[in-house]
Amino acid sequence: MAALSNELQIAVEHHQAGRLAEADSLYRRVLEIEPDNASALHLRGVLAYQQARNEDAVGSIEKAIRAGGPHPAVLNDLGKAYFALKRYREAKRCFAKALSLDPDHAEALGNLGAVLALTGELREARSRLRRAVALQPRYPNAWFNLGAVLRRLHEPEEAEQSCRRALALDPRMADAHLELGNALADLGKPEQAEACYRKAIELDSTLAPAHARLAEMLKMTLRLEEAEASYRAALALQPSAATFQALGGVLYELDRPLEAREAFRRALEVDPELVEARWSLAVLRVIELDDAGRTEDAAAELERLSAWLDSHRIDDPSRAVGAMYPFDLAYRERNHRPLLERYGGLCAGLMERWRKKERLRPARPAGTQPIRVGVVSSHVHEHSVWNAIVKGWVEHMDRGRFELSLFHLGIRQDAETDYARSRAAHFEAGARPLRRWVDAVSERRPDVLIYPEIGMDLTSARLACLRLAPLQLAAWGHPLTTGLPTVDAYLSAELFEPPGAGEHYRERLIALPDLGCCYEPYRVEALDLDPAELGIEPGAPLLLCPGAPFKYASGHDDVYPAIARALGACRLVFFELNPRGAREALIARLKAAFARAGLDYERYVTFVPPLVRPAFYGLMKRADVLLDTIGFSGFNTTMQAVECGLPIVAWEGRFMR
């Protein structure tokens, strides 16, 4: 027996030194002599687990328990093997049994916390993981898992600290960098989150979720080509339906609708019941049909979508709403109310199904003075919606008559966000699931709820489909009717709307005096800019065209060579704004339009890099005219031109936009 014990000791030494083949050979020799040797059975099971032979690990460790009885360490190792096999019920039972024998077994506590997190028992997981790190502060996996659980419980500050504790102990833990990035994103720090995702990928390039989350950050900052590459990297590693769906959204924004459709189809191949992919395919088709003037066929496509939704049991009806919004309709000079009413009805119907499933109570307004006003926006930061619409409300709303609550749905925060927070009676911000936002709004019991930009954000579109206040309003951050039966009125302006404009809205149109908003000049100190520094030849009239590429509809391309022909010598100055794909498509279209007109594109058109605001103001002060975008006017750019004394030429259409 002494020789056998000595052989087992040598096997353990090989095992600890990483010489697994030698260790396994000796464990087998011991078991040939003594088949019920509990130590050899246990350690051979541990070795199998280390080699990802988890079925073998379970078999060997279970034999060890039968031979030698249950011990906390052995039960913990068995639980780890079950966990690796995704047999979470058995893993949970093993860890719980280990803790019944030794309540202070830190590793078993940490492992039980990890299982509980996977099975959705987040509060119990948090309790176990906190106990684990209290017993063993130098336990990086437990700190990491605690951070992940805290984030899911919407405690991002504590989640950040837990992930940092994990990384202080193990700086090369790629998963912890990923989870730290998620917490920072929830805290409105996308640049820091991006750095964490890049570090996670540097440490483990096979970590598909890190590529996908990096893509989300890139998309948010309109680096769409980079976002596409990151989504494709994630898909190469893990062909997830959700990632195909996200890729489709990016491809659509890059003005590549055929590739977007293919991505949505791939999402459905992976998960045929993915309702947001089904929705996106239908809305993409609606946009194409409407673009071709086939409005009846577009409406029929929505009817087919409605029939599919009615015939399927959908686990989470909210997921479809806003997955793809027919945003492009705003660029077509047509009354889109009939189509958007049908679209809005579908959205509201899905959210009503979600409301019943969640057992939400009806809204209960406070009914007291002052009147409670809530503003729900994803752009409470430096953004055109904030500058043009919301900031004026925040600055000048009469605090004696109104109590203002702001609900900032986006993750980006800056100095403007801090200013908004300082001016609101109540301020909520940060990433959270839909139900948490519903609860946050409902707890304030608003009398009036205002959505400045329905159609530009997923969560605001979903919230607006619910009745969370007696009076719900939309504003012109997105310049079309919402089509929603849950939105009562649309705030616009007398100077925006033509006669009879009420017919364009499902909501009751409220045209406020003049511009309908309180706009403050930027009061920028303009640089003394020489256009030649931007490659603009001097001498010819300078016509600025500063709109984003997607605002230039293809149907108006021939206007620009017509202006050039009428003026003779002139220079049309566009900007190299993202996304690059849309910009390159615009350049190609303009070149074709000038060729059709028999004019030299290079003689008349220049694209210049984006400018910081002082330089942009300097260029406006040197320009002769600003050409507003046709069909979808640029409010903030127009007001900046007014501030610079630059004349504006605009196209007077039939609609507010």
Foldseek 3Di string as FASTA:
>chain_A
DVVLVVLLVVLVVCVVVVVLVSSLVSLVVSCVVPVQPLVSLQVNLLSCVVVVVLVSSLVSLVSSCVSPNDELVSLQSNLSSCVSVVVLVSSLVSLVVSCVVPVQPLSSLLSNLLSCVVVPVLVSSLVSLVSSCVSPVLDLSSLQSNLQSCVQVVNLVSSLVSLVSSCVNPVLPLSSLQSNLVSLLQQQNLVSSLVSLVSSCVSPVLPLVSLQVNLVSCVVVQQLVSSLVSLVSSCVNPVALVSLLVNLVSCVVLVNNVSSLVSLVSSCVVPVQQLQSVLVNLLSVLLVCVVVVNNVVSQVSLVVNLVVVVVDDHPQLLNNQLSDFSLLVLLDQDLCLVVLLSVQVSLLVSLVVNCVVVVDDAFAAPPDPQAEEEEEEQPQAPDPLCQWAVVQCLVDPDVRRYQYEYEHAHSHDDVSNVVSCVRHPYYHGGHDDLVVVLVVLRVSRHQEYEYAAQSPDSNVSNVQSGQNHPAYEYEVNRPAANSHPSHAEYEFAPVLADPPQCVSYPHRYDHHYDGRGDHDAPPAQADQDDCVVQVDDPDAAEEEEEDDLSLADLVCLLVVLVVCVVRPQYAYEYECDDPNSSVVVSVVSNCVSCVVVVHDCVRHYDYGYDDDPNHVLNVLLVHAEYEARASDGDVVVVVSSVVSVHHYDYDDGNGSD
